[in-house]
Amino acid sequence: MAAAEGPKAAESSGQPESRRMTAHEKLKYASLAVLVVQNASVILCIRYVRTIPGDKFFTTSAVVMVELFKLTTCLFLLLGQKRGNVKELAVYLYNGLVTEYVDMMKMAVPSLIYTLQNNLQYVAISNLPAATFQVMYQFKILTTAVFSVLMLQKSLSRLQWTSLVILFTGIAIVQVKQNGAAGKDTAPGQSYIVGMLAVLVSCISSGFAGVYFERILKGTSASIWLRNVQLGIFGALLGLFAMWSKDGPAIAEKGFFFAYTPAVWSVVLNQAIGGLLVAVVVKYADNILKGFAASLSIIISTVASVYLFGFHVDLYFTLGAGLVISAVYMYSLPKAPPALSTSSEADTHNTKNISKEKGS
């Protein structure tokens, strides 16, 4: 009886584990699928709402709304972690926001940069074709890598350095060709040069802010959701300052939600979800799949741009985009493990020689 019950017990105990593994895999691929759709759709949606005829909403107010949505969502997530105990959440937030105010002030730097970056994205997408922006925006991989080496003393493999060279080459091909055809693919009132400068500054700021944020996370035990609350508070305040500085009189006259259509609300929600989705993908996915997701989003954006905006895809763009996609995937590949076999064989050989000498 004991022998018969053993396999059954082992089998029954193995079922929950297999189910957990299956659930983990489903969540991993589901989060990546959502990330692909989000990366592609947010660019297309912004391009659509910024180029259709009619009244234009204030992009600065949209940036503020994105920060408020993310802040509210993180507060609800923290409340869930505290099992709905509002008092416990209030004490936790007081400690994280007031008692440790010095630690919180560190988040002012990435918040300022992210606010600048979010505003620059609207400028870039308003002046560039969606597919071109998607390709050019991958330049942030290069800037992030450079800041990681300088600020975190990270080492890059030969494959990663090679992929960065390929990435730069692909972006250069697309940029040169698109710059030559800027008059054909840009609508009246758009500036290709302004769009390119906005992408460049956005990529540099994104790389620095991402590495700075990673450095802060590694130096503290604070919850990532608390860090996002801190980012949201600073981001909302800085966004309000930028809004009133740039569009204050116009917003006072027309209203905060002027020209907010369902399409605009979808952009705001899409951006807020994208900011929070990164944390889920980092937790459940790996770099290879994230690189695959980024590459796939470029393809989707390009195909959709052809049908939605009449984007012209030529041989140069195809070549450049192909190089960028390949580079993104190559950069995401894990580093090869150090070759220990040769050294271990040498150590074994030396040990044998020593033992022989001692024996003689």
Protein backbone atom coordinates (compact mmCIF):
# COMPACT_ATOMS: atom_id res chain seq x y z
CA MET A 1 0.00 0.00 0.00
CA ALA A 2 2.81 2.37 0.88
CA ALA A 3 4.53 1.64 -2.41
CA ALA A 4 1.30 2.21 -4.30
CA GLU A 5 0.60 5.48 -2.52
CA GLY A 6 4.11 6.83 -3.15
CA PRO A 7 3.80 7.38 -6.92
CA LYS A 8 0.30 8.80 -6.48
CA ALA A 9 1.52 11.24 -3.87
CA ALA A 10 4.42 12.26 -6.05
CA GLU A 11 2.16 12.61 -9.05
CA SER A 12 -0.39 14.67 -7.14
CA SER A 13 2.31 16.90 -5.68
CA GLY A 14 3.77 17.40 -9.14
CA GLN A 15 0.49 18.58 -10.68
CA PRO A 16 0.28 21.93 -8.87
CA GLU A 17 3.91 22.66 -9.77
CA SER A 18 3.29 21.94 -13.44
CA ARG A 19 0.21 24.11 -13.31
CA ARG A 20 2.20 26.94 -11.77
CA MET A 21 4.82 26.62 -14.47
CA THR A 22 2.13 26.71 -17.15
CA ALA A 23 0.53 29.77 -15.58
CA HIS A 24 3.93 31.48 -15.44
CA GLU A 25 4.57 30.77 -19.11
CA LYS A 26 1.13 32.03 -20.07
CA LEU A 27 1.64 35.24 -18.10
CA LYS A 28 5.07 35.73 -19.65
CA TYR A 29 3.88 35.44 -23.24
CA ALA A 30 0.66 37.31 -22.52
CA SER A 31 2.58 40.28 -21.10
CA LEU A 32 4.86 40.29 -24.12
CA ALA A 33 1.92 40.11 -26.53
CA VAL A 34 0.35 43.09 -24.79
CA LEU A 35 3.70 44.90 -24.93
CA VAL A 36 3.95 44.36 -28.70
CA VAL A 37 0.43 45.69 -29.24
CA GLN A 38 1.03 48.60 -26.87
CA ASN A 39 4.36 49.63 -28.43
CA ALA A 40 2.92 49.59 -31.93
CA SER A 41 -0.53 51.01 -31.20
CA VAL A 42 0.56 53.93 -29.03
CA ILE A 43 2.76 55.33 -31.81
CA LEU A 44 0.03 54.87 -34.42
CA CYS A 45 -2.62 56.41 -32.17
CA ILE A 46 -0.52 59.46 -31.36
CA ARG A 47 0.30 59.91 -35.03
CA TYR A 48 -3.40 59.69 -35.86
CA VAL A 49 -4.68 62.15 -33.25
CA ARG A 50 -1.92 64.66 -34.03
CA THR A 51 -2.40 64.66 -37.82
CA ILE A 52 -6.18 64.49 -38.33
CA PRO A 53 -7.88 67.77 -39.26
CA GLY A 54 -9.68 69.72 -36.55
CA ASP A 55 -8.93 71.04 -33.08
CA LYS A 56 -5.80 69.72 -31.43
CA PHE A 57 -5.69 68.72 -27.77
CA PHE A 58 -2.97 70.05 -25.50
CA THR A 59 -0.20 67.46 -25.37
CA THR A 60 1.05 68.91 -22.08
CA SER A 61 -2.29 68.12 -20.44
CA ALA A 62 -2.12 64.57 -21.83
CA VAL A 63 1.30 64.10 -20.20
CA VAL A 64 -0.18 65.17 -16.85
CA MET A 65 -3.12 62.77 -17.26
CA VAL A 66 -0.74 59.87 -18.01
CA GLU A 67 1.16 60.55 -14.79
CA LEU A 68 -2.06 60.79 -12.79
CA PHE A 69 -3.31 57.48 -14.21
CA LYS A 70 -0.05 55.72 -13.34
CA LEU A 71 0.00 57.28 -9.88
CA THR A 72 -3.57 56.17 -9.16
CA THR A 73 -2.92 52.66 -10.44
CA CYS A 74 0.20 52.25 -8.28
CA LEU A 75 -1.71 53.44 -5.21
CA PHE A 76 -4.37 50.80 -5.82
CA LEU A 77 -1.68 48.14 -6.29
CA LEU A 78 -0.05 49.13 -3.00
CA LEU A 79 -3.46 49.06 -1.33
CA GLY A 80 -3.89 45.53 -2.65
CA GLN A 81 -0.53 44.56 -1.17
CA LYS A 82 -1.74 45.89 2.18
CA ARG A 83 -4.91 43.79 1.77
CA GLY A 84 -7.16 46.82 1.66
CA ASN A 85 -5.90 48.28 4.93
CA VAL A 86 -6.04 52.04 4.25
CA LYS A 87 -4.40 52.96 7.57
CA GLU A 88 -1.46 50.66 6.92
CA LEU A 89 -1.10 52.10 3.43
CA ALA A 90 -1.15 55.64 4.80
CA VAL A 91 1.63 54.81 7.28
CA TYR A 92 3.64 53.13 4.52
CA LEU A 93 3.28 56.14 2.21
CA TYR A 94 4.12 58.58 5.02
CA ASN A 95 7.36 56.72 5.70
CA GLY A 96 8.23 56.47 2.03
CA LEU A 97 7.29 60.03 1.04
CA VAL A 98 7.85 62.14 4.16
CA THR A 99 10.08 60.38 6.67
CA GLU A 100 12.55 59.31 3.97
CA TYR A 101 12.22 62.55 2.02
CA VAL A 102 15.91 62.59 1.12
CA ASP A 103 15.54 59.23 -0.60
CA MET A 104 12.39 60.45 -2.33
CA MET A 105 14.12 63.56 -3.67
CA LYS A 106 16.38 61.30 -5.71
CA MET A 107 13.36 60.55 -7.89
CA ALA A 108 13.08 64.19 -8.94
CA VAL A 109 15.85 63.75 -11.53
CA PRO A 110 14.31 60.84 -13.52
CA SER A 111 10.86 62.42 -13.13
CA LEU A 112 12.07 65.63 -14.74
CA ILE A 113 13.71 63.69 -17.57
CA TYR A 114 10.69 61.44 -18.14
CA THR A 115 8.41 64.49 -18.28
CA LEU A 116 10.68 66.06 -20.89
CA GLN A 117 10.83 62.77 -22.78
CA ASN A 118 7.05 62.32 -22.85
CA ASN A 119 6.56 65.82 -24.25
CA LEU A 120 9.30 65.27 -26.83
CA GLN A 121 7.64 62.07 -28.02
CA TYR A 122 4.54 64.03 -28.98
CA VAL A 123 6.71 66.51 -30.85
CA ALA A 124 8.59 63.75 -32.67
CA ILE A 125 5.55 61.68 -33.64
CA SER A 126 3.73 64.81 -34.78
CA ASN A 127 6.55 65.52 -37.24
CA LEU A 128 7.69 62.03 -38.29
CA PRO A 129 5.99 59.04 -39.91
CA ALA A 130 5.10 56.42 -37.29
CA ALA A 131 7.34 53.74 -38.85
CA THR A 132 10.29 56.12 -39.04
CA PHE A 133 9.85 57.11 -35.40
CA GLN A 134 9.73 53.46 -34.32
CA VAL A 135 13.02 52.73 -36.06
CA MET A 136 14.75 55.90 -34.90
CA TYR A 137 13.56 55.46 -31.32
CA GLN A 138 15.56 52.25 -31.02
CA PHE A 139 18.57 54.55 -30.77
CA LYS A 140 17.76 54.58 -27.03
CA ILE A 141 19.32 51.10 -26.86
CA LEU A 142 22.67 52.62 -27.79
CA THR A 143 22.35 55.52 -25.34
CA THR A 144 21.24 53.17 -22.56
CA ALA A 145 24.22 50.91 -23.21
CA VAL A 146 26.65 53.83 -23.09
CA PHE A 147 25.21 55.17 -19.82
CA SER A 148 25.21 51.64 -18.35
CA VAL A 149 28.92 51.31 -19.04
CA LEU A 150 29.68 54.78 -17.67
CA MET A 151 27.37 54.84 -14.62
CA LEU A 152 26.97 51.18 -13.64
CA GLN A 153 30.33 49.85 -14.89
CA LYS A 154 28.54 47.19 -16.88
CA SER A 155 30.47 45.19 -19.44
CA LEU A 156 29.10 44.44 -22.89
CA SER A 157 29.87 41.31 -24.84
CA ARG A 158 31.37 41.38 -28.32
CA LEU A 159 28.00 40.40 -29.71
CA GLN A 160 26.37 43.37 -27.99
CA TRP A 161 28.99 45.80 -29.27
CA THR A 162 28.55 44.35 -32.76
CA SER A 163 24.77 44.72 -32.49
CA LEU A 164 25.18 48.37 -31.48
CA VAL A 165 27.27 49.01 -34.59
CA ILE A 166 24.62 47.31 -36.73
CA LEU A 167 21.91 49.30 -34.94
CA PHE A 168 23.67 52.60 -35.65
CA THR A 169 24.21 51.61 -39.28
CA GLY A 170 20.55 50.70 -39.77
CA ILE A 171 19.35 53.95 -38.17
CA ALA A 172 21.79 55.94 -40.30
CA ILE A 173 20.47 54.32 -43.49
CA VAL A 174 16.86 55.08 -42.57
CA GLN A 175 17.67 58.61 -41.44
CA VAL A 176 19.62 59.56 -44.56
CA LYS A 177 17.01 58.15 -46.92
CA GLN A 178 14.05 59.57 -45.00
CA ASN A 179 15.75 62.96 -44.79
CA GLY A 180 16.07 62.96 -48.57
CA ALA A 181 12.40 62.06 -48.98
CA ALA A 182 11.13 64.23 -46.11
CA GLY A 183 9.04 66.38 -48.38
CA LYS A 184 7.11 63.39 -49.71
CA ASP A 185 6.25 61.63 -46.45
CA THR A 186 5.58 64.63 -44.17
CA ALA A 187 2.34 66.54 -44.17
CA PRO A 188 2.12 70.35 -44.37
CA GLY A 189 3.11 72.03 -41.12
CA GLN A 190 5.47 69.21 -40.14
CA SER A 191 9.23 69.47 -39.85
CA TYR A 192 11.42 66.41 -40.30
CA ILE A 193 14.40 68.16 -38.67
CA VAL A 194 12.35 69.09 -35.59
CA GLY A 195 11.10 65.51 -35.36
CA MET A 196 14.61 64.09 -35.61
CA LEU A 197 15.98 66.44 -32.96
CA ALA A 198 13.09 65.50 -30.67
CA VAL A 199 13.84 61.79 -31.15
CA LEU A 200 17.54 62.31 -30.52
CA VAL A 201 17.04 64.25 -27.29
CA SER A 202 14.32 61.80 -26.20
CA CYS A 203 16.62 58.81 -26.73
CA ILE A 204 19.49 60.41 -24.82
CA SER A 205 17.23 61.40 -21.94
CA SER A 206 15.58 57.97 -21.94
CA GLY A 207 18.94 56.21 -21.71
CA PHE A 208 20.16 58.37 -18.85
CA ALA A 209 16.89 58.25 -16.90
CA GLY A 210 16.59 54.48 -17.27
CA VAL A 211 20.11 53.82 -16.00
CA TYR A 212 19.74 56.37 -13.19
CA PHE A 213 16.47 54.73 -12.11
CA GLU A 214 18.10 51.29 -12.19
CA ARG A 215 20.94 52.59 -10.04
CA ILE A 216 18.45 53.91 -7.48
CA LEU A 217 16.50 50.63 -7.43
CA LYS A 218 19.66 48.62 -6.83
CA GLY A 219 20.67 50.86 -3.95
CA THR A 220 17.43 50.58 -2.01
CA SER A 221 14.94 48.01 -0.81
CA ALA A 222 11.88 50.17 -1.53
CA SER A 223 9.03 48.61 -3.50
CA ILE A 224 9.03 49.30 -7.22
CA TRP A 225 5.42 50.46 -6.88
CA LEU A 226 6.42 52.95 -4.19
CA ARG A 227 9.13 54.20 -6.53
CA ASN A 228 6.50 54.61 -9.25
CA VAL A 229 4.32 56.56 -6.82
CA GLN A 230 7.26 58.87 -6.16
CA LEU A 231 7.85 59.19 -9.89
CA GLY A 232 4.15 59.88 -10.44
CA ILE A 233 4.03 62.66 -7.83
CA PHE A 234 7.06 64.44 -9.25
CA GLY A 235 5.94 63.73 -12.81
CA ALA A 236 2.49 65.20 -12.25
CA LEU A 237 3.88 68.33 -10.56
CA LEU A 238 6.52 68.87 -13.23
CA GLY A 239 3.96 68.15 -15.94
CA LEU A 240 1.61 70.78 -14.49
CA PHE A 241 4.45 73.29 -14.42
CA ALA A 242 5.32 72.54 -18.05
CA MET A 243 1.65 72.74 -19.03
CA TRP A 244 1.06 76.15 -17.50
CA SER A 245 4.39 77.44 -18.81
CA LYS A 246 3.64 76.43 -22.38
CA ASP A 247 -0.16 76.34 -22.71
CA GLY A 248 -1.36 78.15 -19.58
CA PRO A 249 -3.33 81.00 -21.22
CA ALA A 250 -4.83 78.72 -23.89
CA ILE A 251 -5.89 76.09 -21.33
CA ALA A 252 -7.38 78.79 -19.11
CA GLU A 253 -9.46 79.90 -22.08
CA LYS A 254 -10.42 76.56 -23.66
CA GLY A 255 -10.20 74.16 -20.74
CA PHE A 256 -7.94 71.31 -19.58
CA PHE A 257 -9.78 68.65 -21.64
CA PHE A 258 -10.16 70.72 -24.79
CA ALA A 259 -10.49 68.51 -27.93
CA TYR A 260 -10.31 65.31 -25.86
CA THR A 261 -11.93 62.67 -28.05
CA PRO A 262 -12.21 58.92 -27.41
CA ALA A 263 -9.06 58.54 -29.54
CA VAL A 264 -7.17 60.97 -27.29
CA TRP A 265 -8.33 59.13 -24.15
CA SER A 266 -7.14 55.88 -25.72
CA VAL A 267 -3.69 57.43 -26.22
CA VAL A 268 -3.56 58.56 -22.58
CA LEU A 269 -4.61 55.14 -21.28
CA ASN A 270 -2.25 53.40 -23.69
CA GLN A 271 0.74 55.41 -22.50
CA ALA A 272 -0.15 54.86 -18.85
CA ILE A 273 -0.50 51.11 -19.37
CA GLY A 274 2.81 51.02 -21.23
CA GLY A 275 4.63 52.70 -18.36
CA LEU A 276 3.33 50.11 -15.89
CA LEU A 277 3.65 47.17 -18.27
CA VAL A 278 7.42 47.45 -18.27
CA ALA A 279 7.54 46.32 -14.64
CA VAL A 280 5.45 43.24 -15.46
CA VAL A 281 7.59 42.33 -18.45
CA VAL A 282 10.81 42.78 -16.48
CA LYS A 283 9.47 40.42 -13.82
CA TYR A 284 8.03 37.66 -16.01
CA ALA A 285 9.90 37.87 -19.33
CA ASP A 286 13.51 37.84 -20.42
CA ASN A 287 15.63 40.07 -22.64
CA ILE A 288 15.36 37.82 -25.68
CA LEU A 289 11.59 37.99 -25.73
CA LYS A 290 11.61 41.72 -24.99
CA GLY A 291 13.91 42.23 -27.97
CA PHE A 292 11.62 40.11 -30.10
CA ALA A 293 8.65 42.20 -28.93
CA ALA A 294 10.38 45.45 -29.87
CA SER A 295 11.30 44.08 -33.30
CA LEU A 296 7.80 42.84 -33.96
CA SER A 297 6.30 46.19 -32.96
CA ILE A 298 8.47 47.90 -35.62
CA ILE A 299 7.11 45.56 -38.28
CA ILE A 300 3.52 46.11 -37.16
CA SER A 301 3.97 49.89 -37.13
CA THR A 302 5.47 49.86 -40.60
CA VAL A 303 2.74 47.71 -42.12
CA ALA A 304 0.02 49.72 -40.41
CA SER A 305 1.60 53.01 -41.53
CA VAL A 306 1.46 51.89 -45.14
CA TYR A 307 -2.29 51.26 -44.97
CA LEU A 308 -3.30 54.03 -42.55
CA PHE A 309 -1.03 56.92 -43.52
CA GLY A 310 0.20 56.01 -47.00
CA PHE A 311 3.76 55.56 -45.78
CA HIS A 312 6.18 54.71 -48.59
CA VAL A 313 8.48 51.76 -47.91
CA ASP A 314 11.49 51.58 -50.21
CA LEU A 315 14.57 49.40 -50.39
CA TYR A 316 16.64 51.67 -48.14
CA PHE A 317 14.02 51.77 -45.40
CA THR A 318 13.59 48.00 -45.60
CA LEU A 319 17.35 47.48 -45.35
CA GLY A 320 17.76 49.93 -42.48
CA ALA A 321 14.75 48.64 -40.56
CA GLY A 322 15.93 45.06 -41.09
CA LEU A 323 19.34 45.91 -39.61
CA VAL A 324 17.71 47.62 -36.64
CA ILE A 325 15.41 44.67 -35.98
CA SER A 326 18.34 42.25 -36.17
CA ALA A 327 20.44 44.44 -33.88
CA VAL A 328 17.67 44.70 -31.28
CA TYR A 329 17.36 40.91 -31.19
CA MET A 330 21.14 40.36 -31.11
CA TYR A 331 21.60 42.83 -28.27
CA SER A 332 18.98 40.98 -26.23
CA LEU A 333 20.75 37.63 -26.48
CA PRO A 334 22.37 36.46 -23.23
CA LYS A 335 26.10 36.68 -22.82
CA ALA A 336 28.04 33.52 -23.57
CA PRO A 337 29.32 31.82 -20.39
CA PRO A 338 33.05 32.16 -19.82
CA ALA A 339 35.12 29.38 -21.28
CA LEU A 340 36.08 27.47 -18.16
CA SER A 341 36.79 24.17 -19.84
CA THR A 342 40.24 25.14 -21.15
CA SER A 343 41.37 26.57 -17.83
CA SER A 344 39.98 23.64 -15.87
CA GLU A 345 41.72 21.19 -18.19
CA ALA A 346 44.98 23.09 -17.71
CA ASP A 347 44.56 23.04 -13.93
CA THR A 348 43.92 19.29 -14.03
CA HIS A 349 46.98 18.77 -16.22
CA ASN A 350 49.16 20.83 -13.86
CA THR A 351 47.85 18.96 -10.82
CA LYS A 352 48.72 15.66 -12.44
CA ASN A 353 52.24 16.88 -13.23
CA ILE A 354 52.74 18.06 -9.66
CA SER A 355 51.57 14.75 -8.25
CA LYS A 356 53.89 12.91 -10.61
CA GLU A 357 56.82 15.04 -9.49
CA LYS A 358 56.01 14.40 -5.86
CA GLY A 359 55.70 10.67 -6.53
CA SER A 360 59.07 10.53 -8.24
